[in-house]
C-alpha atoms as a PDB file:
ATOM      1  CA  MET A   1      -3.164 177.754  41.211  1.00  0.00           C
ATOM      2  CA  VAL A   2      -5.565 177.549  44.265  1.00  0.00           C
ATOM      3  CA  PRO A   3      -5.891 180.528  46.071  1.00  0.00           C
ATOM      4  CA  PHE A   4      -4.153 179.593  49.197  1.00  0.00           C
ATOM      5  CA  LEU A   5      -0.800 179.379  46.653  1.00  0.00           C
ATOM      6  CA  ARG A   6      -1.138 183.238  46.744  1.00  0.00           C
ATOM      7  CA  ASN A   7      -0.500 183.789  50.203  1.00  0.00           C
ATOM      8  CA  ARG A   8       3.209 185.031  50.742  1.00  0.00           C
ATOM      9  CA  LEU A   9       4.261 182.900  53.780  1.00  0.00           C
ATOM     10  CA  ILE A  10       3.104 179.637  51.854  1.00  0.00           C
ATOM     11  CA  LEU A  11       5.460 181.654  49.243  1.00  0.00           C
ATOM     12  CA  PHE A  12       8.109 181.245  51.440  1.00  0.00           C
ATOM     13  CA  LEU A  13       7.756 177.810  52.702  1.00  0.00           C
ATOM     14  CA  LEU A  14       8.099 176.436  49.125  1.00  0.00           C
ATOM     15  CA  LEU A  15      11.040 178.655  48.748  1.00  0.00           C
ATOM     16  CA  ILE A  16      12.333 176.996  51.675  1.00  0.00           C
ATOM     17  CA  LEU A  17      11.493 173.204  50.715  1.00  0.00           C
ATOM     18  CA  LEU A  18      12.897 174.186  47.518  1.00  0.00           C
ATOM     19  CA  LEU A  19      16.394 175.075  48.892  1.00  0.00           C
ATOM     20  CA  ALA A  20      16.478 172.289  50.825  1.00  0.00           C
ATOM     21  CA  ASP A  21      15.605 169.623  47.976  1.00  0.00           C
ATOM     22  CA  PHE A  22      18.527 171.110  46.502  1.00  0.00           C
ATOM     23  CA  LEU A  23      20.285 170.721  49.493  1.00  0.00           C
ATOM     24  CA  VAL A  24      20.136 167.031  50.114  1.00  0.00           C
ATOM     25  CA  LEU A  25      20.679 166.391  46.777  1.00  0.00           C
ATOM     26  CA  PHE A  26      23.722 168.421  46.632  1.00  0.00           C
ATOM     27  CA  SER A  27      24.888 166.162  49.625  1.00  0.00           C
ATOM     28  CA  LEU A  28      23.847 162.609  47.440  1.00  0.00           C
ATOM     29  CA  PHE A  29      26.252 163.110  44.765  1.00  0.00           C
ATOM     30  CA  ARG A  30      29.083 163.839  47.077  1.00  0.00           C
ATOM     31  CA  ARG A  31      27.997 160.408  48.976  1.00  0.00           C
ATOM     32  CA  MET A  32      28.108 158.517  45.895  1.00  0.00           C
ATOM     33  CA  GLU A  33      31.606 160.057  45.244  1.00  0.00           C
ATOM     34  CA  VAL A  34      32.766 158.455  48.647  1.00  0.00           C
ATOM     35  CA  GLN A  35      30.532 154.900  48.268  1.00  0.00           C
ATOM     36  CA  PRO A  36      30.156 154.122  45.179  1.00  0.00           C
ATOM     37  CA  SER A  37      29.101 150.678  45.867  1.00  0.00           C
ATOM     38  CA  GLN A  38      25.694 152.197  46.738  1.00  0.00           C
ATOM     39  CA  SER A  39      25.413 154.072  43.883  1.00  0.00           C
ATOM     40  CA  GLU A  40      22.006 152.342  42.665  1.00  0.00           C
ATOM     41  CA  THR A  41      20.351 152.590  45.829  1.00  0.00           C
ATOM     42  CA  VAL A  42      21.325 156.474  46.046  1.00  0.00           C
ATOM     43  CA  THR A  43      20.491 157.025  42.795  1.00  0.00           C
ATOM     44  CA  ALA A  44      16.889 155.881  43.059  1.00  0.00           C
ATOM     45  CA  PHE A  45      16.752 157.992  46.103  1.00  0.00           C
ATOM     46  CA  VAL A  46      18.552 161.115  44.611  1.00  0.00           C
ATOM     47  CA  ALA A  47      15.585 160.640  41.360  1.00  0.00           C
ATOM     48  CA  CYS A  48      13.053 161.357  43.796  1.00  0.00           C
ATOM     49  CA  ILE A  49      14.522 163.942  45.693  1.00  0.00           C
ATOM     50  CA  PHE A  50      15.047 166.123  42.000  1.00  0.00           C
ATOM     51  CA  LEU A  51      11.591 164.978  41.453  1.00  0.00           C
ATOM     52  CA  ALA A  52       9.987 166.297  44.420  1.00  0.00           C
ATOM     53  CA  GLY A  53      12.460 169.672  44.034  1.00  0.00           C
ATOM     54  CA  ILE A  54      11.102 170.012  40.273  1.00  0.00           C
ATOM     55  CA  PHE A  55       7.520 169.610  41.573  1.00  0.00           C
ATOM     56  CA  SER A  56       8.273 172.621  44.356  1.00  0.00           C
ATOM     57  CA  LEU A  57       9.766 174.583  41.703  1.00  0.00           C
ATOM     58  CA  PHE A  58       7.085 174.511  39.578  1.00  0.00           C
ATOM     59  CA  LEU A  59       4.565 175.128  42.274  1.00  0.00           C
ATOM     60  CA  PHE A  60       6.763 178.283  43.499  1.00  0.00           C
ATOM     61  CA  LEU A  61       6.788 179.602  39.922  1.00  0.00           C
ATOM     62  CA  SER A  62       3.334 179.316  39.286  1.00  0.00           C
ATOM     63  CA  ALA A  63       1.954 180.904  42.883  1.00  0.00           C
ATOM     64  CA  TRP A  64       4.472 183.814  42.207  1.00  0.00           C
ATOM     65  CA  GLN A  65       3.309 184.576  38.751  1.00  0.00           C
ATOM     66  CA  LYS A  66      -0.598 184.451  39.787  1.00  0.00           C
ATOM     67  CA  ASN A  67       0.560 186.151  43.092  1.00  0.00           C
ATOM     68  CA  ILE A  68      -1.079 189.606  43.973  1.00  0.00           C
ATOM     69  CA  HIS A  69      -0.521 192.474  46.853  1.00  0.00           C
ATOM     70  CA  PRO A  70      -1.781 191.931  49.948  1.00  0.00           C
ATOM     71  CA  ALA A  71      -3.780 194.853  50.250  1.00  0.00           C
ATOM     72  CA  GLU A  72      -5.933 194.007  47.417  1.00  0.00           C
ATOM     73  CA  THR A  73      -7.047 191.189  48.863  1.00  0.00           C
ATOM     74  CA  LEU A  74      -7.411 192.060  52.447  1.00  0.00           C
ATOM     75  CA  TYR A  75      -8.605 195.744  51.979  1.00  0.00           C
ATOM     76  CA  PRO A  76     -10.721 195.733  48.743  1.00  0.00           C
ATOM     77  CA  GLU A  77     -12.153 199.171  50.073  1.00  0.00           C
ATOM     78  CA  ALA A  78      -8.635 201.084  49.519  1.00  0.00           C
ATOM     79  CA  LEU A  79      -9.062 200.723  45.938  1.00  0.00           C
ATOM     80  CA  THR A  80     -12.851 200.624  45.203  1.00  0.00           C
ATOM     81  CA  GLY A  81     -15.927 203.141  45.562  1.00  0.00           C
ATOM     82  CA  VAL A  82     -16.398 202.533  48.952  1.00  0.00           C
ATOM     83  CA  THR A  83     -17.578 205.998  51.085  1.00  0.00           C
ATOM     84  CA  GLY A  84     -14.876 206.872  53.281  1.00  0.00           C
ATOM     85  CA  ILE A  85     -15.273 209.103  56.663  1.00  0.00           C
ATOM     86  CA  ASN A  86     -14.780 212.291  54.671  1.00  0.00           C
ATOM     87  CA  GLY A  87     -17.828 211.082  52.536  1.00  0.00           C
ATOM     88  CA  ASN A  88     -15.923 210.985  49.623  1.00  0.00           C
ATOM     89  CA  VAL A  89     -16.695 208.011  47.142  1.00  0.00           C
ATOM     90  CA  SER A  90     -13.693 207.125  44.401  1.00  0.00           C
ATOM     91  CA  ALA A  91     -14.769 205.705  40.787  1.00  0.00           C
ATOM     92  CA  PRO A  92     -15.554 201.842  40.786  1.00  0.00           C
ATOM     93  CA  ALA A  93     -12.339 199.666  40.179  1.00  0.00           C
ATOM     94  CA  ASN A  94     -14.397 196.945  38.873  1.00  0.00           C
ATOM     95  CA  GLU A  95     -17.993 195.800  38.099  1.00  0.00           C
ATOM     96  CA  ASN A  96     -18.315 193.653  41.181  1.00  0.00           C
ATOM     97  CA  THR A  97     -17.515 196.729  43.232  1.00  0.00           C
ATOM     98  CA  GLN A  98     -20.307 198.647  40.859  1.00  0.00           C
ATOM     99  CA  ALA A  99     -22.451 195.705  41.714  1.00  0.00           C
ATOM    100  CA  TYR A 100     -21.619 196.091  45.581  1.00  0.00           C
ATOM    101  CA  THR A 101     -22.627 199.695  45.698  1.00  0.00           C
ATOM    102  CA  ASP A 102     -25.926 199.590  43.423  1.00  0.00           C
ATOM    103  CA  SER A 103     -26.893 196.751  45.696  1.00  0.00           C
ATOM    104  CA  SER A 104     -26.347 199.193  48.869  1.00  0.00           C
ATOM    105  CA  GLU A 105     -28.246 201.873  46.971  1.00  0.00           C
ATOM    106  CA  SER A 106     -31.023 199.768  45.898  1.00  0.00           C
ATOM    107  CA  VAL A 107     -31.808 198.591  50.228  1.00  0.00           C
ATOM    108  CA  GLN A 108     -31.878 201.742  51.200  1.00  0.00           C
ATOM    109  CA  THR A 109     -34.087 202.536  48.931  1.00  0.00           C
ATOM    110  CA  LEU A 110     -36.392 199.978  49.218  1.00  0.00           C
ATOM    111  CA  ALA A 111     -36.166 200.486  53.096  1.00  0.00           C
ATOM    112  CA  GLU A 112     -37.355 204.090  52.387  1.00  0.00           C
ATOM    113  CA  ASP A 113     -40.457 203.372  50.143  1.00  0.00           C
ATOM    114  CA  LEU A 114     -41.837 201.175  53.035  1.00  0.00           C
ATOM    115  CA  LEU A 115     -42.165 204.979  54.901  1.00  0.00           C
ATOM    116  CA  PRO A 116     -45.006 206.823  54.796  1.00  0.00           C
ATOM    117  CA  ALA A 117     -44.238 209.684  52.519  1.00  0.00           C
ATOM    118  CA  ALA A 118     -45.317 212.344  55.070  1.00  0.00           C
ATOM    119  CA  ILE A 119     -44.279 211.418  59.059  1.00  0.00           C
ATOM    120  CA  PRO A 120     -47.900 212.230  60.610  1.00  0.00           C
ATOM    121  CA  GLU A 121     -48.147 214.167  63.652  1.00  0.00           C
ATOM    122  CA  LYS A 122     -48.974 211.011  65.975  1.00  0.00           C
ATOM    123  CA  LEU A 123     -47.120 207.652  66.281  1.00  0.00           C
ATOM    124  CA  SER A 124     -50.213 205.513  65.920  1.00  0.00           C
ATOM    125  CA  LEU A 125     -50.910 206.730  62.541  1.00  0.00           C
ATOM    126  CA  PHE A 126     -47.008 206.610  61.404  1.00  0.00           C
ATOM    127  CA  ALA A 127     -47.097 202.642  62.730  1.00  0.00           C
ATOM    128  CA  GLU A 128     -50.013 202.149  60.878  1.00  0.00           C
ATOM    129  CA  GLY A 129     -48.679 203.430  57.963  1.00  0.00           C
ATOM    130  CA  VAL A 130     -45.820 201.307  57.871  1.00  0.00           C
ATOM    131  CA  LEU A 131     -47.190 198.426  58.262  1.00  0.00           C
ATOM    132  CA  SER A 132     -49.966 198.827  55.293  1.00  0.00           C
ATOM    133  CA  HIS A 133     -46.525 199.683  53.096  1.00  0.00           C
ATOM    134  CA  LEU A 134     -45.485 195.981  54.757  1.00  0.00           C
ATOM    135  CA  ALA A 135     -48.667 194.621  53.745  1.00  0.00           C
ATOM    136  CA  ARG A 136     -48.487 195.586  50.239  1.00  0.00           C
ATOM    137  CA  LYS A 137     -44.764 194.639  49.725  1.00  0.00           C
ATOM    138  CA  TYR A 138     -44.307 191.346  51.646  1.00  0.00           C
ATOM    139  CA  ASP A 139     -48.345 189.920  51.909  1.00  0.00           C
ATOM    140  CA  ILE A 140     -47.739 189.760  55.590  1.00  0.00           C
ATOM    141  CA  VAL A 141     -51.489 188.004  57.145  1.00  0.00           C
ATOM    142  CA  THR A 142     -51.070 190.189  60.231  1.00  0.00           C
ATOM    143  CA  GLY A 143     -48.493 192.394  62.026  1.00  0.00           C
ATOM    144  CA  LEU A 144     -48.177 194.287  64.860  1.00  0.00           C
ATOM    145  CA  PHE A 145     -46.252 197.532  65.937  1.00  0.00           C
ATOM    146  CA  TYR A 146     -44.894 197.272  69.908  1.00  0.00           C
ATOM    147  CA  VAL A 147     -43.308 200.514  71.679  1.00  0.00           C
ATOM    148  CA  PRO A 148     -42.363 200.839  74.806  1.00  0.00           C
ATOM    149  CA  GLU A 149     -44.433 202.505  77.964  1.00  0.00           C
ATOM    150  CA  PRO A 150     -42.205 205.383  79.353  1.00  0.00           C
ATOM    151  CA  ASP A 151     -39.977 204.478  81.632  1.00  0.00           C
ATOM    152  CA  SER A 152     -40.902 200.713  82.064  1.00  0.00           C
ATOM    153  CA  ASP A 153     -39.396 197.394  80.315  1.00  0.00           C
ATOM    154  CA  VAL A 154     -42.803 196.729  78.948  1.00  0.00           C
ATOM    155  CA  PHE A 155     -44.287 197.106  75.425  1.00  0.00           C
ATOM    156  CA  LYS A 156     -47.774 197.784  73.779  1.00  0.00           C
ATOM    157  CA  PRO A 157     -48.814 197.683  70.748  1.00  0.00           C
ATOM    158  CA  ILE A 158     -50.248 200.755  69.481  1.00  0.00           C
ATOM    159  CA  ALA A 159     -51.342 199.517  65.653  1.00  0.00           C
ATOM    160  CA  ARG A 160     -51.783 196.373  64.284  1.00  0.00           C
ATOM    161  CA  TYR A 161     -52.214 195.387  60.802  1.00  0.00           C
ATOM    162  CA  ALA A 162     -55.036 192.301  60.034  1.00  0.00           C
ATOM    163  CA  TRP A 163     -55.657 191.607  63.884  1.00  0.00           C
ATOM    164  CA  TYR A 164     -58.646 189.430  63.679  1.00  0.00           C
ATOM    165  CA  SER A 165     -58.553 187.979  67.915  1.00  0.00           C
ATOM    166  CA  PRO A 166     -61.090 189.171  70.065  1.00  0.00           C
ATOM    167  CA  ASP A 167     -58.627 189.687  72.670  1.00  0.00           C
ATOM    168  CA  PRO A 168     -56.242 192.497  72.057  1.00  0.00           C
ATOM    169  CA  PRO A 169     -52.523 191.665  71.459  1.00  0.00           C
ATOM    170  CA  PRO A 170     -50.521 190.871  74.673  1.00  0.00           C
ATOM    171  CA  GLU A 171     -48.052 193.266  76.109  1.00  0.00           C
ATOM    172  CA  VAL A 172     -44.580 192.145  75.946  1.00  0.00           C
ATOM    173  CA  ARG A 173     -41.710 192.356  78.777  1.00  0.00           C
ATOM    174  CA  LEU A 174     -38.502 192.697  77.799  1.00  0.00           C
ATOM    175  CA  GLY A 175     -36.651 189.208  77.958  1.00  0.00           C
ATOM    176  CA  GLU A 176     -39.719 187.179  77.856  1.00  0.00           C
ATOM    177  CA  SER A 177     -41.322 185.126  75.082  1.00  0.00           C
ATOM    178  CA  LEU A 178     -39.347 185.531  71.645  1.00  0.00           C
ATOM    179  CA  PRO A 179     -40.307 189.231  70.847  1.00  0.00           C
ATOM    180  CA  GLY A 180     -39.251 190.120  74.132  1.00  0.00           C
ATOM    181  CA  GLN A 181     -35.902 188.267  73.921  1.00  0.00           C
ATOM    182  CA  ALA A 182     -34.873 189.527  70.119  1.00  0.00           C
ATOM    183  CA  VAL A 183     -35.552 193.128  71.945  1.00  0.00           C
ATOM    184  CA  LYS A 184     -33.171 192.601  74.409  1.00  0.00           C
ATOM    185  CA  ASP A 185     -30.538 190.936  72.701  1.00  0.00           C
ATOM    186  CA  LYS A 186     -31.274 193.986  69.855  1.00  0.00           C
ATOM    187  CA  ARG A 187     -31.646 191.381  66.636  1.00  0.00           C
ATOM    188  CA  MET A 188     -33.726 190.341  64.719  1.00  0.00           C
ATOM    189  CA  LEU A 189     -34.980 187.298  64.725  1.00  0.00           C
ATOM    190  CA  TYR A 190     -36.444 185.491  61.659  1.00  0.00           C
ATOM    191  CA  ILE A 191     -38.388 181.584  62.218  1.00  0.00           C
ATOM    192  CA  THR A 192     -39.292 179.610  59.027  1.00  0.00           C
ATOM    193  CA  HIS A 193     -41.881 176.427  59.598  1.00  0.00           C
ATOM    194  CA  VAL A 194     -43.316 177.672  62.920  1.00  0.00           C
ATOM    195  CA  PRO A 195     -44.827 175.120  63.979  1.00  0.00           C
ATOM    196  CA  LYS A 196     -49.093 174.910  64.288  1.00  0.00           C
ATOM    197  CA  ASN A 197     -50.476 176.983  67.334  1.00  0.00           C
ATOM    198  CA  TYR A 198     -47.047 178.417  68.071  1.00  0.00           C
ATOM    199  CA  LEU A 199     -47.782 182.014  67.276  1.00  0.00           C
ATOM    200  CA  THR A 200     -50.990 181.916  69.486  1.00  0.00           C
ATOM    201  CA  VAL A 201     -48.715 181.109  72.643  1.00  0.00           C
ATOM    202  CA  ILE A 202     -45.765 182.861  72.127  1.00  0.00           C
ATOM    203  CA  SER A 203     -46.156 185.749  69.599  1.00  0.00           C
ATOM    204  CA  GLY A 204     -49.579 186.742  70.636  1.00  0.00           C
ATOM    205  CA  LEU A 205     -50.418 187.050  66.526  1.00  0.00           C
ATOM    206  CA  GLY A 206     -53.883 185.185  66.915  1.00  0.00           C
ATOM    207  CA  SER A 207     -54.695 182.036  65.992  1.00  0.00           C
ATOM    208  CA  SER A 208     -53.750 181.770  62.336  1.00  0.00           C
ATOM    209  CA  ASP A 209     -51.028 179.229  61.222  1.00  0.00           C
ATOM    210  CA  PRO A 210     -48.750 181.489  58.848  1.00  0.00           C
ATOM    211  CA  GLY A 211     -44.861 179.481  58.523  1.00  0.00           C
ATOM    212  CA  TYR A 212     -42.808 182.873  58.828  1.00  0.00           C
ATOM    213  CA  LEU A 213     -42.347 185.180  61.551  1.00  0.00           C
ATOM    214  CA  LEU A 214     -40.019 187.997  62.152  1.00  0.00           C
ATOM    215  CA  ILE A 215     -39.472 190.009  64.779  1.00  0.00           C
ATOM    216  CA  LEU A 216     -37.632 193.213  64.124  1.00  0.00           C
ATOM    217  CA  PRO A 217     -36.598 195.227  66.696  1.00  0.00           C
ATOM    218  CA  LEU A 218     -36.002 198.984  66.548  1.00  0.00           C
ATOM    219  CA  ILE A 219     -33.072 200.408  67.657  1.00  0.00           C
ATOM    220  CA  GLU A 220     -31.461 203.337  67.420  1.00  0.00           C
ATOM    221  CA  GLU A 221     -28.687 205.216  69.700  1.00  0.00           C
ATOM    222  CA  ASP A 222     -28.665 201.853  71.380  1.00  0.00           C
ATOM    223  CA  LYS A 223     -32.009 201.885  72.568  1.00  0.00           C
ATOM    224  CA  ASN A 224     -34.598 199.869  72.819  1.00  0.00           C
ATOM    225  CA  LEU A 225     -37.142 201.952  71.264  1.00  0.00           C
ATOM    226  CA  GLY A 226     -40.162 199.091  70.030  1.00  0.00           C
ATOM    227  CA  PHE A 227     -40.327 196.320  67.784  1.00  0.00           C
ATOM    228  CA  LEU A 228     -42.161 194.775  64.678  1.00  0.00           C
ATOM    229  CA  GLU A 229     -44.000 191.372  64.516  1.00  0.00           C
ATOM    230  CA  ILE A 230     -45.098 190.138  60.891  1.00  0.00           C
ATOM    231  CA  ALA A 231     -46.360 187.062  59.875  1.00  0.00           C
ATOM    232  CA  THR A 232     -46.010 185.824  56.643  1.00  0.00           C
ATOM    233  CA  PHE A 233     -47.671 182.666  54.476  1.00  0.00           C
ATOM    234  CA  LYS A 234     -44.490 182.948  51.600  1.00  0.00           C
ATOM    235  CA  PRO A 235     -40.668 183.020  52.983  1.00  0.00           C
ATOM    236  CA  LEU A 236     -38.211 185.941  52.926  1.00  0.00           C
ATOM    237  CA  ASN A 237     -35.490 186.128  51.002  1.00  0.00           C
ATOM    238  CA  GLU A 238     -31.902 187.263  52.277  1.00  0.00           C
ATOM    239  CA  ASN A 239     -32.438 190.561  50.120  1.00  0.00           C
ATOM    240  CA  ASP A 240     -36.003 191.068  51.791  1.00  0.00           C
ATOM    241  CA  LEU A 241     -34.180 190.915  55.193  1.00  0.00           C
ATOM    242  CA  GLN A 242     -31.694 193.030  54.520  1.00  0.00           C
ATOM    243  CA  VAL A 243     -34.379 195.529  53.515  1.00  0.00           C
ATOM    244  CA  LEU A 244     -36.412 195.020  56.586  1.00  0.00           C
ATOM    245  CA  THR A 245     -33.028 195.396  58.749  1.00  0.00           C
ATOM    246  CA  GLN A 246     -32.388 198.845  56.887  1.00  0.00           C
ATOM    247  CA  LEU A 247     -36.104 199.601  57.743  1.00  0.00           C
ATOM    248  CA  GLY A 248     -35.428 199.009  61.670  1.00  0.00           C
ATOM    249  CA  LYS A 249     -32.810 201.299  61.163  1.00  0.00           C
ATOM    250  CA  LEU A 250     -34.814 204.457  59.453  1.00  0.00           C
ATOM    251  CA  VAL A 251     -38.116 203.552  61.678  1.00  0.00           C
ATOM    252  CA  GLY A 252     -35.730 203.728  64.925  1.00  0.00           C
ATOM    253  CA  LYS A 253     -34.172 207.228  63.786  1.00  0.00           C
ATOM    254  CA  ILE A 254     -37.261 208.657  63.385  1.00  0.00           C
ATOM    255  CA  LEU A 255     -38.870 207.258  66.564  1.00  0.00           C
ATOM    256  CA  ILE A 256     -36.335 209.418  67.764  1.00  0.00           C
ATOM    257  CA  ARG A 257     -36.180 212.786  66.195  1.00  0.00           C
ATOM    258  CA  HIS A 258     -39.877 212.949  65.756  1.00  0.00           C
ATOM    259  CA  PHE A 259     -41.879 211.014  68.136  1.00  0.00           C
ATOM    260  CA  ASN A 260     -39.553 212.220  71.360  1.00  0.00           C
ATOM    261  CA  ALA A 261     -38.544 208.504  71.963  1.00  0.00           C
ATOM    262  CA  ASN A 262     -34.944 209.362  73.952  1.00  0.00           C
ATOM    263  CA  ASN A 263     -36.338 208.539  77.112  1.00  0.00           C
ATOM    264  CA  ARG A 264     -37.249 204.778  76.180  1.00  0.00           C
ATOM    265  CA  ALA A 265     -34.487 202.733  77.088  1.00  0.00           C
END
């Protein structure tokens, strides 16, 4: 049966319709007793009402048989292995739950693998390590790691990967150009089918023409701590984007804890 029949409101409406059919049927039989001359017309109409009633009854019984408890539909986390407020994890209820948990753990693990094994003392070395790991994992053709100037809305690159332009990477101001707008909005921006020379003008990634551009803001405690800008020739899939989103969160935490980035808003 179709999923909407599982809704208890629909079941209630079907029950009302069924009762209405029987009331109309009863009324028509009484009318046939009073006016027998109209029996043929009424009989045909009664047959239609009766069939509609039987169909409604069938829908009602089918839906009732397949109905599930609302909590199982609206709140699956109440029955599955999802971490609660106290951090305890219950046993998984089914294979789908286990797959979801495994997927979440896989995203976290893959994101951690993109970080340097040891956090260096210099921020620039840490940034270069992140870009090197990204290059090995996703075959990026060029990449930049930006952080904001203290007490400023201007972001400057502190690390670069495969940067071949004779000019240094441009500064980015909050809210200006694609990277600046992505950082202001505090959300990842993934662009596919980048037009020719588009990166040279907007993103500052030189004169190459990669087809895909990712701008990943580094946000922690609602602070703009910087952003990563990477370009690739190959597309990123949904899992890649999930891993990179998690990477942005991890890098943001490291910037706060290890590089005194609390003063960067």
